Structure formats: structure tokens, C-alpha cells
Protein backbone atom coordinates (compact mmCIF):
# COMPACT_ATOMS: atom_id res chain seq x y z
CA MET A 1 45.24 -24.21 -37.53
CA THR A 2 43.46 -22.09 -34.95
CA GLN A 3 40.00 -23.36 -34.07
CA THR A 4 37.28 -20.77 -34.40
CA LYS A 5 34.22 -20.34 -32.26
CA THR A 6 31.93 -21.63 -35.00
CA ASP A 7 33.66 -24.98 -35.40
CA THR A 8 34.22 -25.71 -31.70
CA VAL A 9 33.47 -29.35 -31.02
CA LYS A 10 30.56 -29.83 -28.58
CA GLU A 11 30.75 -32.24 -25.71
CA PHE A 12 27.52 -33.93 -26.86
CA ASN A 13 26.04 -34.40 -30.30
CA PHE A 14 22.84 -32.36 -30.54
CA THR A 15 20.96 -32.70 -33.81
CA LYS A 16 18.02 -30.80 -35.22
CA SER A 17 15.92 -33.84 -34.54
CA ASP A 18 16.96 -33.81 -30.90
CA PHE A 19 15.95 -30.13 -30.70
CA GLU A 20 12.57 -30.83 -32.28
CA ARG A 21 11.95 -33.57 -29.72
CA VAL A 22 12.82 -31.20 -26.89
CA ARG A 23 10.49 -28.55 -28.35
CA ALA A 24 7.64 -30.99 -28.55
CA LEU A 25 8.19 -32.34 -25.02
CA ILE A 26 8.43 -28.97 -23.31
CA TYR A 27 5.35 -27.71 -25.22
CA GLN A 28 3.41 -30.79 -24.12
CA ARG A 29 4.69 -30.59 -20.57
CA ALA A 30 4.60 -26.85 -19.87
CA GLY A 31 3.07 -25.09 -22.90
CA ILE A 32 6.37 -23.38 -23.68
CA SER A 33 6.92 -22.64 -27.41
CA LEU A 34 10.61 -22.58 -28.17
CA ALA A 35 11.69 -20.58 -31.17
CA ASP A 36 14.23 -21.91 -33.67
CA SER A 37 16.76 -19.47 -32.33
CA LYS A 38 16.74 -21.25 -28.95
CA GLN A 39 18.69 -24.35 -30.09
CA GLU A 40 21.97 -23.24 -28.51
CA MET A 41 20.25 -22.29 -25.26
CA VAL A 42 18.56 -25.69 -25.09
CA TYR A 43 21.83 -27.45 -25.70
CA SER A 44 23.61 -25.49 -23.00
CA ARG A 45 20.93 -26.03 -20.40
CA LEU A 46 20.24 -29.69 -21.09
CA ALA A 47 23.92 -30.63 -21.43
CA ARG A 48 24.06 -30.05 -17.67
CA ARG A 49 21.35 -32.61 -17.21
CA LEU A 50 23.24 -35.17 -19.31
CA ARG A 51 26.26 -34.67 -17.11
CA ALA A 52 24.19 -34.91 -13.95
CA THR A 53 22.52 -38.18 -15.08
CA GLY A 54 25.71 -39.68 -16.59
CA ILE A 55 24.04 -40.04 -19.99
CA VAL A 56 26.31 -39.51 -23.00
CA SER A 57 23.82 -38.67 -25.76
CA PHE A 58 20.72 -36.50 -26.13
CA GLY A 59 18.90 -39.30 -27.92
CA ARG A 60 19.36 -41.69 -24.99
CA TYR A 61 18.48 -38.98 -22.46
CA LEU A 62 15.20 -38.14 -24.23
CA ASP A 63 14.40 -41.84 -24.68
CA ASP A 64 14.88 -42.51 -21.01
CA LEU A 65 12.97 -39.35 -20.08
CA GLU A 66 9.88 -40.34 -22.13
CA ALA A 67 10.02 -43.88 -20.88
CA GLY A 68 10.06 -42.82 -17.28
CA ARG A 69 13.40 -44.39 -16.51
CA LEU A 70 14.88 -41.25 -14.93
CA GLY A 71 12.79 -40.90 -11.81
CA GLU A 72 12.13 -37.23 -11.04
CA GLU A 73 14.06 -36.02 -14.09
CA TRP A 74 10.91 -34.54 -15.71
CA GLU A 75 11.03 -31.85 -13.00
CA SER A 76 14.69 -31.11 -13.68
CA PHE A 77 14.12 -31.07 -17.44
CA THR A 78 11.31 -28.53 -17.02
CA ASN A 79 13.27 -26.46 -14.55
CA ALA A 80 16.24 -26.30 -16.94
CA LEU A 81 14.13 -24.86 -19.78
CA THR A 82 12.24 -22.32 -17.70
CA THR A 83 13.40 -18.71 -17.92
CA ASN A 84 13.30 -16.82 -14.58
CA LEU A 85 14.09 -13.18 -15.14
CA THR A 86 12.74 -11.10 -12.29
CA SER A 87 13.45 -8.29 -9.82
CA PHE A 88 11.78 -6.50 -6.94
CA PHE A 89 9.08 -4.06 -8.15
CA ARG A 90 9.62 -4.93 -11.77
CA GLU A 91 7.24 -2.90 -13.99
CA ALA A 92 6.74 -0.53 -11.09
CA HIS A 93 3.70 1.19 -12.56
CA HIS A 94 1.51 -1.73 -11.45
CA PHE A 95 2.10 -1.40 -7.74
CA PRO A 96 0.38 1.95 -7.05
CA LEU A 97 -2.71 0.61 -8.77
CA LEU A 98 -2.50 -2.56 -6.64
CA ALA A 99 -2.27 -0.40 -3.50
CA GLU A 100 -5.30 1.64 -4.54
CA HIS A 101 -7.23 -1.50 -5.29
CA VAL A 102 -6.57 -3.30 -1.98
CA LYS A 103 -7.41 -0.22 0.07
CA LYS A 104 -10.97 -0.59 -1.23
CA LEU A 105 -11.08 -4.18 0.04
CA ARG A 106 -10.19 -3.66 3.70
CA ASP A 107 -13.52 -5.04 4.89
CA HIS A 108 -12.66 -8.62 4.01
CA PRO A 109 -9.59 -10.90 3.73
CA ILE A 110 -7.77 -10.23 0.44
CA GLN A 111 -6.81 -13.16 -1.75
CA ILE A 112 -3.95 -12.63 -4.27
CA TRP A 113 -2.41 -15.17 -6.66
CA CYS A 114 0.99 -14.62 -8.15
CA SER A 115 1.03 -17.26 -10.90
CA ALA A 116 4.65 -16.99 -12.09
CA ALA A 117 6.49 -16.33 -8.83
CA SER A 118 10.01 -17.28 -10.00
CA THR A 119 12.54 -16.68 -7.17
CA GLY A 120 10.06 -14.68 -5.07
CA GLU A 121 10.79 -11.03 -5.91
CA GLU A 122 7.32 -10.49 -7.40
CA PRO A 123 5.22 -11.96 -4.54
CA TYR A 124 7.36 -10.16 -1.99
CA SER A 125 6.89 -6.92 -3.90
CA ILE A 126 3.16 -7.55 -3.77
CA ALA A 127 3.34 -8.22 -0.03
CA MET A 128 5.34 -5.02 0.60
CA THR A 129 2.84 -3.00 -1.39
CA VAL A 130 -0.09 -4.34 0.66
CA CYS A 131 1.78 -3.77 3.94
CA GLU A 132 2.47 -0.19 2.91
CA ALA A 133 -1.14 0.33 1.85
CA PHE A 134 -2.43 -0.79 5.26
CA ASN A 135 0.62 0.56 7.18
CA THR A 136 1.17 -2.73 8.99
CA LEU A 137 3.23 -5.89 8.67
CA THR A 138 0.09 -7.96 9.27
CA PRO A 139 -2.38 -6.80 6.60
CA PRO A 140 -5.50 -8.88 5.83
CA VAL A 141 -4.01 -10.63 2.83
CA GLN A 142 -3.14 -14.12 1.73
CA ILE A 143 -0.78 -14.48 -1.20
CA ILE A 144 -0.43 -17.73 -3.13
CA ALA A 145 2.83 -17.78 -5.12
CA THR A 146 3.15 -20.49 -7.70
CA ASP A 147 5.61 -21.51 -10.40
CA ILE A 148 6.35 -24.60 -12.42
CA ASP A 149 10.03 -24.50 -11.39
CA THR A 150 10.61 -26.05 -8.01
CA ASN A 151 14.17 -24.75 -7.70
CA VAL A 152 13.12 -21.09 -7.86
CA LEU A 153 10.25 -21.73 -5.51
CA ALA A 154 12.67 -22.97 -2.89
CA THR A 155 14.66 -19.74 -3.24
CA GLY A 156 11.49 -17.67 -2.85
CA ALA A 157 10.35 -19.57 0.25
CA GLN A 158 13.75 -19.06 1.85
CA GLY A 159 13.61 -15.30 1.13
CA VAL A 160 17.42 -14.80 1.12
CA TYR A 161 19.01 -12.61 -1.56
CA GLY A 162 22.29 -10.89 -2.37
CA ILE A 163 22.24 -7.35 -1.10
CA ASP A 164 22.69 -6.10 -4.72
CA ARG A 165 19.06 -7.26 -5.39
CA ILE A 166 17.75 -4.41 -3.23
CA GLU A 167 20.29 -1.73 -4.03
CA LYS A 168 17.81 0.21 -6.21
CA MET A 169 15.06 0.01 -3.60
CA GLU A 170 14.19 3.04 -1.48
CA PRO A 171 16.33 2.88 1.71
CA GLU A 172 13.31 3.19 4.02
CA ARG A 173 11.53 0.30 2.28
CA ALA A 174 14.65 -1.89 2.43
CA ARG A 175 15.11 -1.18 6.17
CA ARG A 176 11.50 -1.98 6.87
CA PHE A 177 11.23 -5.24 5.03
CA PHE A 178 14.70 -6.80 5.03
CA LEU A 179 17.21 -7.99 7.65
CA ARG A 180 20.89 -7.62 6.78
CA GLY A 181 23.17 -10.64 7.21
CA LYS A 182 26.15 -10.55 9.55
CA GLY A 183 29.27 -12.62 9.78
CA GLU A 184 29.13 -15.45 7.20
CA GLN A 185 25.88 -13.91 5.84
CA GLU A 186 27.54 -10.56 5.20
CA GLY A 187 26.42 -9.18 1.83
CA MET A 188 23.07 -11.02 2.03
CA VAL A 189 19.57 -9.87 3.10
CA ARG A 190 16.57 -11.84 4.26
CA VAL A 191 12.92 -10.89 3.94
CA ARG A 192 11.39 -10.23 7.34
CA PRO A 193 9.50 -13.21 8.77
CA GLU A 194 6.24 -11.22 8.96
CA LEU A 195 6.39 -10.75 5.18
CA ARG A 196 7.19 -14.39 4.53
CA GLN A 197 4.22 -15.44 6.59
CA LEU A 198 1.87 -13.65 4.17
CA ILE A 199 2.94 -15.91 1.28
CA THR A 200 2.50 -19.59 0.52
CA PHE A 201 4.79 -20.94 -2.13
CA LYS A 202 3.64 -23.99 -4.11
CA GLN A 203 4.40 -25.73 -7.39
CA LEU A 204 1.80 -25.32 -10.11
CA ASN A 205 1.87 -26.06 -13.82
CA LEU A 206 -0.47 -23.67 -15.61
CA LEU A 207 -1.15 -26.47 -18.10
CA GLY A 208 -1.85 -29.01 -15.38
CA ASP A 209 -5.23 -30.71 -15.28
CA GLY A 210 -6.02 -29.54 -11.78
CA TRP A 211 -4.88 -26.37 -10.03
CA PRO A 212 -4.47 -26.69 -6.24
CA LEU A 213 -6.28 -23.39 -5.77
CA LYS A 214 -9.74 -22.47 -4.60
CA GLY A 215 -10.16 -18.78 -5.15
CA PRO A 216 -11.93 -16.62 -5.93
CA PHE A 217 -9.13 -14.03 -6.03
CA ASP A 218 -9.18 -10.28 -5.69
CA VAL A 219 -5.96 -9.98 -7.72
CA ILE A 220 -4.08 -12.28 -10.12
CA PHE A 221 -0.57 -11.53 -11.31
CA CYS A 222 0.39 -13.33 -14.53
CA ARG A 223 3.25 -11.23 -15.85
CA ASN A 224 5.82 -12.14 -18.50
CA VAL A 225 4.84 -15.77 -18.69
CA MET A 226 2.23 -15.74 -21.48
CA ILE A 227 4.95 -14.60 -23.96
CA TYR A 228 6.28 -18.17 -23.86
CA PHE A 229 2.92 -19.66 -24.90
CA ASP A 230 1.20 -19.69 -28.25
CA LYS A 231 -2.23 -18.10 -28.64
CA ALA A 232 -4.15 -21.36 -28.15
CA THR A 233 -2.37 -21.99 -24.85
CA GLN A 234 -2.88 -18.42 -23.73
CA ARG A 235 -6.59 -18.67 -24.49
CA LYS A 236 -6.83 -21.92 -22.47
CA ILE A 237 -5.10 -20.47 -19.45
CA LEU A 238 -7.12 -17.22 -19.46
CA SER A 239 -10.37 -19.17 -19.71
CA ARG A 240 -9.34 -20.85 -16.42
CA PHE A 241 -8.42 -17.55 -14.77
CA VAL A 242 -11.79 -15.95 -15.36
CA PRO A 243 -13.87 -18.25 -13.05
CA LEU A 244 -11.28 -17.66 -10.30
CA MET A 245 -11.66 -13.91 -10.37
CA LYS A 246 -14.06 -11.98 -8.16
CA PRO A 247 -16.39 -9.61 -10.03
CA ASP A 248 -14.09 -6.59 -9.28
CA ALA A 249 -10.79 -8.47 -9.48
CA LEU A 250 -7.74 -7.19 -11.33
CA LEU A 251 -5.48 -9.24 -13.61
CA PHE A 252 -1.95 -7.87 -14.08
CA ALA A 253 -0.07 -8.78 -17.30
CA GLY A 254 3.50 -8.18 -18.50
CA HIS A 255 4.48 -5.09 -20.48
CA SER A 256 4.67 -6.97 -23.81
CA GLU A 257 1.50 -9.02 -23.30
CA ASN A 258 -1.96 -8.20 -24.69
CA PHE A 259 -4.86 -10.33 -23.46
CA LEU A 260 -7.61 -8.49 -25.37
CA TYR A 261 -6.83 -10.51 -28.53
CA VAL A 262 -7.01 -13.74 -26.58
CA SER A 263 -9.98 -13.43 -24.22
CA GLU A 264 -13.36 -11.83 -24.78
CA SER A 265 -14.09 -11.99 -21.05
CA LEU A 266 -11.60 -9.23 -20.13
CA LYS A 267 -11.37 -5.46 -20.71
CA LEU A 268 -8.47 -3.09 -20.18
CA ARG A 269 -8.45 -1.20 -16.90
CA GLY A 270 -5.05 0.42 -17.16
CA LYS A 271 -1.60 -0.15 -18.66
CA THR A 272 -1.52 -3.97 -18.99
CA VAL A 273 -4.09 -4.29 -16.20
CA TYR A 274 -7.38 -6.06 -16.92
CA GLU A 275 -10.74 -6.60 -15.28
CA LEU A 276 -13.74 -8.75 -16.08
CA ASP A 277 -15.97 -7.38 -18.86
CA GLY A 278 -19.32 -7.29 -17.18
CA ARG A 279 -21.05 -7.15 -20.54
CA ARG A 280 -19.95 -10.69 -21.32
CA PRO A 281 -21.94 -13.69 -20.04
């Protein structure tokens, strides 16, 4: 009898109980709320970790993980369950507003925090915008780019991408900010060193007890990450953003995120762009 897709035998047994344990652990660790529909995704991603560690069951893997018997595996576990969908100048309507904002701040060093940097496209888009606003590769800006996933941060710090990642970018912008690979690097591009020098990549868990940041910031980008958190977690994170924002700072959110129902300290400035509500204490 021909085997159908629905009765394909899995390499590892993965029960509903295993899935619930994973959901609890990733929520506790990173604040990520996994929907019931994510069970197959979780199996696929964590099966790779079982193979890498040589463990033959999810139950044993999760037992060893919680007991601390797997060394740095917590980092790999978290990396595996983190979604990193990004692109250069994603949600492009934000960047003209960013340019307008930073032009008003030319009298002092500008501090920007990109709190979900992924593989680096967003912080580099921020850096390009500021360079264009000031018409120089050395604008008065410092950009902190953080993410919970150490793998994607390494990609961002390296600044090397397939040439297809910039194919939709304006040719003049691509020529100004990227170097094309030759020989073995044919088909690749690298962000210019001047741009990379504007950005510091570092690991940060938004649910961590201490954030290795000082602030205050002129701009915070927190786009398309809050959608993975429940309202209580969103409220907690936003309450920690507010003290790190300068009085005229801007907070950029993702297109499907609405912070007005979560924080009373913010008011809408533009399409998914927020500022401090000066009427609030």
C-alpha cells in the first residue's frame, strides 16, 4: 500500500506533551507564545537539535536541557525557535520619517536602538537612511543592533549577503553602500566598512533581567517582534522602553502591531510610529 503524507513515520516521537513542554520553555525563556498550529514547525526545527546532540527522544532532550546537562544548548534551542523574516528597507514608509527626524538632531550624537536586528538588514537600512540624510558615510550616529538569536547576529556583523538581497534596491543606493564580490565571492555583496562601523551588534533577550544598554535613545525600532508575545509580555517590554526614550524619541513598530492598547505612555505619531505621550506622568 502506498504511504500517504499524513501517515509518514517521523524520525522522532513527538507527543502533544512534548510540544506543551517546548511551549512553556520558550515562553519562559524568550516570551514567545507558540500557537497550537506551530507543532509541526517545532518538530522540524528541534529535530535538528536532537540530531546535533545525538539524543534520540524529545523527552530526553528536554529533560537534559532543563537539567543543564547540554552546555550551551539553551542558546541553540532558542535560536531554533526564533523566526527571522527580514529584508532591506522592509516597511519602507518608516524610513522617510526616520530621515526627517534625524535631520532635526544634527546638533548632538544620535543614539538608535534596533531591538530585533535579525540578520542585519534592518539596522543597515537604518544606517543607510541616516547616511543619506546627512549626505556622508560618517554621520553622527551610533546604532545598537540586538537580537536574542546569536546566529543571525553573526550574519549581521559580517555584513555579507547574496546579491539577490539587494536586487530591488535603487542602483545608486546599492553602489554607494555595497561592495560586489569577485572570484570565489561572485554573486555576493558586502556592506561597506564605513556602514558597519556605525553599528554594534550584541545579544539581548528582551525578557532578560538586565539590558546591556544605557540610553537614552533618539529612536527605537521594535518591529515585527511583539506579535510573538502575549499582551502581558508586550506591556512589560514597553514599560522598559519608555525610560530609555528621550522626550522627543520615536518608537517604530511593525505593520500589524498596535501599542496603544498595551501602553498608556505612548501616542501615535504616524503609521505604526509612536512617541511619548507628554500628558502622562
